[in-house]
Amino acid sequence: MALKWKHIDLGLSSLGVSAYLSVTQSLNKVEGRALVQEPKTASGKRRVALSASLALVLRQYREAQEAMRMSVGELTDENYVCCHLDGAPLDPSTVSHAFAKVLRRAGLPPMPPYMA
């Protein structure tokens, strides 16, 4: 959830994992706030190779995100990949719940999004 466009190299089809997003409470609550933190272990910071098909999907997603954001501001490399239209990060629990719903509908066993 802390992945920013600057961490993705679509030319080399890779991305860098250098942070994770945690929340103090739900981001939907007034007190909730997002905290971007470094991985807990040295091996948590790493480069991940992307398949050609995933790199293509990310290119298309970025183009769609740029078109949607035109009304609220320019998309930059500092923006999160997965975010609200205004650039605010998504609440990780919202993403987890949506992912679980997709798995159920597809008849697949439960698993965290990072294992898919």
Protein backbone atom coordinates (compact mmCIF):
# COMPACT_ATOMS: atom_id res chain seq x y z
CA MET A 1 0.00 0.00 0.00
CA ALA A 2 3.03 2.29 0.31
CA LEU A 3 4.11 1.66 -3.28
CA LYS A 4 4.67 4.90 -5.16
CA TRP A 5 5.13 5.33 -8.87
CA LYS A 6 8.76 6.31 -8.25
CA HIS A 7 9.38 2.75 -6.98
CA ILE A 8 8.31 1.20 -10.29
CA ASP A 9 10.64 0.95 -13.29
CA LEU A 10 8.40 -0.04 -16.18
CA GLY A 11 11.37 0.04 -18.58
CA LEU A 12 13.15 -2.67 -16.59
CA SER A 13 9.88 -4.33 -15.49
CA SER A 14 10.69 -4.18 -11.79
CA LEU A 15 9.62 -2.49 -8.62
CA GLY A 16 11.35 -1.68 -5.37
CA VAL A 17 9.87 -2.56 -2.02
CA SER A 18 11.20 -0.02 0.46
CA ALA A 19 8.28 0.76 2.75
CA TYR A 20 4.97 -0.44 4.06
CA LEU A 21 1.84 1.38 5.13
CA SER A 22 0.35 0.92 8.57
CA VAL A 23 -2.51 2.80 10.13
CA THR A 24 -3.10 3.92 13.69
CA GLN A 25 -6.83 3.26 13.24
CA SER A 26 -9.11 3.06 10.26
CA LEU A 27 -8.30 5.88 7.86
CA ASN A 28 -12.04 6.51 7.62
CA LYS A 29 -12.07 7.66 11.25
CA VAL A 30 -11.12 11.18 12.20
CA GLU A 31 -8.12 10.07 14.28
CA GLY A 32 -6.88 7.52 11.77
CA ARG A 33 -3.65 8.34 10.00
CA ALA A 34 -1.37 6.54 7.62
CA LEU A 35 2.19 5.81 8.64
CA VAL A 36 4.74 4.86 6.03
CA GLN A 37 7.48 2.81 7.63
CA GLU A 38 10.56 0.94 6.49
CA PRO A 39 10.41 -2.87 6.37
CA LYS A 40 11.18 -4.56 9.68
CA THR A 41 14.09 -6.59 8.28
CA ALA A 42 16.90 -5.88 5.82
CA SER A 43 15.51 -8.54 3.48
CA GLY A 44 12.24 -6.59 3.41
CA LYS A 45 13.89 -4.01 1.14
CA ARG A 46 14.19 -5.62 -2.25
CA ARG A 47 13.60 -5.38 -6.01
CA VAL A 48 10.89 -7.52 -7.52
CA ALA A 49 10.78 -8.52 -11.18
CA LEU A 50 7.49 -7.89 -12.97
CA SER A 51 6.12 -10.11 -15.69
CA ALA A 52 5.65 -8.46 -19.08
CA SER A 53 1.87 -8.71 -18.69
CA LEU A 54 1.93 -7.05 -15.24
CA ALA A 55 4.18 -4.25 -16.54
CA LEU A 56 1.65 -3.67 -19.34
CA VAL A 57 -1.27 -3.58 -16.87
CA LEU A 58 0.63 -1.07 -14.69
CA ARG A 59 1.31 1.15 -17.72
CA GLN A 60 -2.39 1.10 -18.62
CA TYR A 61 -3.39 1.72 -15.00
CA ARG A 62 -1.07 4.71 -14.73
CA GLU A 63 -2.54 6.21 -17.91
CA ALA A 64 -6.08 5.72 -16.56
CA GLN A 65 -5.08 7.17 -13.18
CA GLU A 66 -3.53 10.21 -14.88
CA ALA A 67 -6.74 10.80 -16.85
CA MET A 68 -8.91 10.53 -13.71
CA ARG A 69 -6.67 12.84 -11.67
CA MET A 70 -6.67 15.68 -14.19
CA SER A 71 -9.51 17.36 -12.29
CA VAL A 72 -7.67 17.33 -8.93
CA GLY A 73 -4.04 17.75 -9.90
CA GLU A 74 -1.13 16.27 -11.75
CA LEU A 75 -0.01 12.69 -11.11
CA THR A 76 3.65 12.56 -10.08
CA ASP A 77 6.13 9.84 -9.18
CA GLU A 78 5.53 10.75 -5.51
CA ASN A 79 1.89 9.58 -5.76
CA TYR A 80 0.81 6.21 -4.42
CA VAL A 81 -0.05 3.56 -6.99
CA CYS A 82 -3.17 2.54 -5.05
CA CYS A 83 -4.89 5.66 -3.75
CA HIS A 84 -8.04 7.72 -3.67
CA LEU A 85 -8.63 10.21 -6.46
CA ASP A 86 -7.11 12.98 -4.32
CA GLY A 87 -3.91 10.95 -3.83
CA ALA A 88 -4.63 9.90 -0.24
CA PRO A 89 -3.61 6.31 0.52
CA LEU A 90 -6.27 3.61 0.69
CA ASP A 91 -7.00 1.99 4.04
CA PRO A 92 -5.28 -1.44 3.90
CA SER A 93 -8.29 -3.14 5.53
CA THR A 94 -10.56 -1.88 2.74
CA VAL A 95 -8.27 -3.44 0.15
CA SER A 96 -8.06 -6.73 2.10
CA HIS A 97 -11.86 -6.96 2.37
CA ALA A 98 -12.33 -6.26 -1.35
CA PHE A 99 -9.66 -8.84 -2.25
CA ALA A 100 -11.33 -11.48 -0.02
CA LYS A 101 -14.65 -10.81 -1.77
CA VAL A 102 -13.05 -11.31 -5.20
CA LEU A 103 -11.50 -14.60 -4.04
CA ARG A 104 -14.85 -15.87 -2.70
CA ARG A 105 -16.63 -15.01 -5.95
CA ALA A 106 -13.91 -16.79 -7.94
CA GLY A 107 -14.18 -19.88 -5.71
CA LEU A 108 -10.59 -19.54 -4.52
CA PRO A 109 -9.32 -20.12 -0.98
CA PRO A 110 -8.64 -17.14 1.30
CA MET A 111 -5.15 -15.65 1.08
CA PRO A 112 -3.56 -12.25 1.69
CA PRO A 113 -3.20 -10.02 -1.40
CA TYR A 114 0.62 -10.18 -1.36
CA MET A 115 0.48 -13.96 -1.88
CA ALA A 116 -1.74 -13.83 -4.98
